Amino acid sequence: MSREWGNYYEEKGCEFLKDNGFEIIERNFYSRFGEIDIIALKDKVLHFIEVKGSARRNPVYAITSKKLHKINQTIGFYFYQNDVRFDYCIDALIICGDEVTLLENITI
């Protein structure tokens, strides 16, 4: 996916999250391990959110165990760097056409 499309889907995802009571803490958090698209807070839980979008096919299959491993490593670095103490979960925001679906607390 091009960076332009990635930005489009992340922006659409942020709008969806805000409309559903999330506070956006950070976007595109990078570490040497990987990237987290959106970090959001809701009900005292940090949500580390991977955004996947496609106009034609369901992009959920692009989230692999390797990707989740990188996200977990990046979360560890985020907590270390920011010295925050929250419960957390990993979510996926799936955007397919105009449909937006939040899959909370994903694992493989």
Protein backbone atom coordinates (compact mmCIF):
# COMPACT_ATOMS: atom_id res chain seq x y z
CA MET A 1 0.00 0.00 0.00
CA SER A 2 1.31 3.43 -0.84
CA ARG A 3 2.01 5.96 1.89
CA GLU A 4 -0.82 8.15 0.53
CA TRP A 5 -3.35 5.34 0.88
CA GLY A 6 -1.94 4.47 4.30
CA ASN A 7 -2.44 8.06 5.45
CA TYR A 8 -5.98 8.05 4.05
CA TYR A 9 -6.93 4.88 5.93
CA GLU A 10 -5.27 6.06 9.15
CA GLU A 11 -7.13 9.38 8.97
CA LYS A 12 -10.41 7.58 8.37
CA GLY A 13 -9.57 5.26 11.26
CA CYS A 14 -8.86 8.15 13.63
CA GLU A 15 -12.22 9.71 12.77
CA PHE A 16 -13.94 6.39 13.52
CA LEU A 17 -12.11 6.01 16.83
CA LYS A 18 -12.90 9.57 17.97
CA ASP A 19 -16.56 9.04 17.06
CA ASN A 20 -16.51 5.95 19.30
CA GLY A 21 -15.03 7.59 22.38
CA PHE A 22 -11.30 7.03 21.88
CA GLU A 23 -8.69 9.69 22.57
CA ILE A 24 -5.89 9.60 20.00
CA ILE A 25 -2.57 9.67 21.89
CA GLU A 26 -0.11 9.20 19.04
CA ARG A 27 0.09 8.24 15.38
CA ASN A 28 2.87 6.40 13.59
CA PHE A 29 5.00 5.54 16.61
CA TYR A 30 8.29 4.14 15.33
CA SER A 31 10.94 2.03 16.99
CA ARG A 32 13.74 -0.10 15.64
CA PHE A 33 11.34 -3.04 15.96
CA GLY A 34 8.50 -1.63 13.90
CA GLU A 35 5.65 0.85 13.80
CA ILE A 36 2.31 1.25 15.51
CA ASP A 37 -0.22 3.09 13.38
CA ILE A 38 -2.40 4.54 16.15
CA ILE A 39 -2.15 4.62 19.93
CA ALA A 40 -5.45 5.54 21.56
CA LEU A 41 -6.91 5.63 25.06
CA LYS A 42 -10.40 4.57 26.11
CA ASP A 43 -11.67 3.64 29.57
CA LYS A 44 -8.13 3.70 31.03
CA VAL A 45 -6.92 1.12 28.49
CA LEU A 46 -4.26 1.90 25.87
CA HIS A 47 -5.14 0.51 22.46
CA PHE A 48 -2.28 -0.15 20.05
CA ILE A 49 -4.02 -0.20 16.70
CA GLU A 50 -2.89 -1.65 13.39
CA VAL A 51 -4.78 -0.10 10.47
CA LYS A 52 -5.37 -2.16 7.35
CA GLY A 53 -7.36 -0.89 4.41
CA SER A 54 -8.35 -1.93 0.93
CA ALA A 55 -10.93 -0.82 -1.58
CA ARG A 56 -11.69 -4.31 -2.89
CA ARG A 57 -10.68 -7.17 -0.61
CA ASN A 58 -10.69 -7.81 3.12
CA PRO A 59 -7.29 -6.64 4.40
CA VAL A 60 -7.50 -8.50 7.72
CA TYR A 61 -5.39 -11.29 6.22
CA ALA A 62 -2.42 -8.92 5.98
CA ILE A 63 -1.99 -9.12 9.77
CA THR A 64 0.43 -11.98 10.34
CA SER A 65 2.02 -13.51 13.43
CA LYS A 66 5.29 -11.86 12.36
CA LYS A 67 3.55 -8.46 12.27
CA LEU A 68 2.02 -9.04 15.72
CA HIS A 69 5.44 -9.98 17.09
CA LYS A 70 6.88 -6.69 15.81
CA ILE A 71 3.94 -4.79 17.31
CA ASN A 72 4.53 -6.48 20.68
CA GLN A 73 8.21 -5.52 20.61
CA THR A 74 7.30 -1.94 19.70
CA ILE A 75 4.77 -1.80 22.55
CA GLY A 76 7.50 -2.84 24.98
CA PHE A 77 9.71 -0.05 23.68
CA TYR A 78 6.82 2.45 23.93
CA PHE A 79 6.24 1.61 27.60
CA TYR A 80 9.98 1.78 28.31
CA GLN A 81 10.43 5.11 26.54
CA ASN A 82 7.32 6.79 27.95
CA ASP A 83 7.25 5.25 31.45
CA VAL A 84 3.47 4.83 31.36
CA ARG A 85 1.42 2.32 33.30
CA PHE A 86 -1.83 1.28 31.65
CA ASP A 87 -3.59 -1.91 30.78
CA TYR A 88 -3.35 -2.35 27.03
CA CYS A 89 -4.53 -4.39 24.09
CA ILE A 90 -3.69 -4.77 20.43
CA ASP A 91 -6.51 -3.97 18.04
CA ALA A 92 -6.96 -4.02 14.29
CA LEU A 93 -8.92 -1.39 12.42
CA ILE A 94 -10.09 -2.93 9.16
CA ILE A 95 -11.28 -0.53 6.48
CA CYS A 96 -12.77 -2.07 3.36
CA GLY A 97 -14.39 0.48 1.11
CA ASP A 98 -16.69 2.54 3.33
CA GLU A 99 -16.98 -0.14 6.03
CA VAL A 100 -14.86 0.29 9.18
CA THR A 101 -14.54 -2.58 11.67
CA LEU A 102 -12.63 -2.52 14.96
CA LEU A 103 -11.31 -5.91 16.05
CA GLU A 104 -10.31 -5.56 19.69
CA ASN A 105 -7.66 -7.55 21.55
CA ILE A 106 -6.39 -9.55 18.59
CA THR A 107 -3.99 -12.48 18.80
CA ILE A 108 -2.77 -15.16 16.43
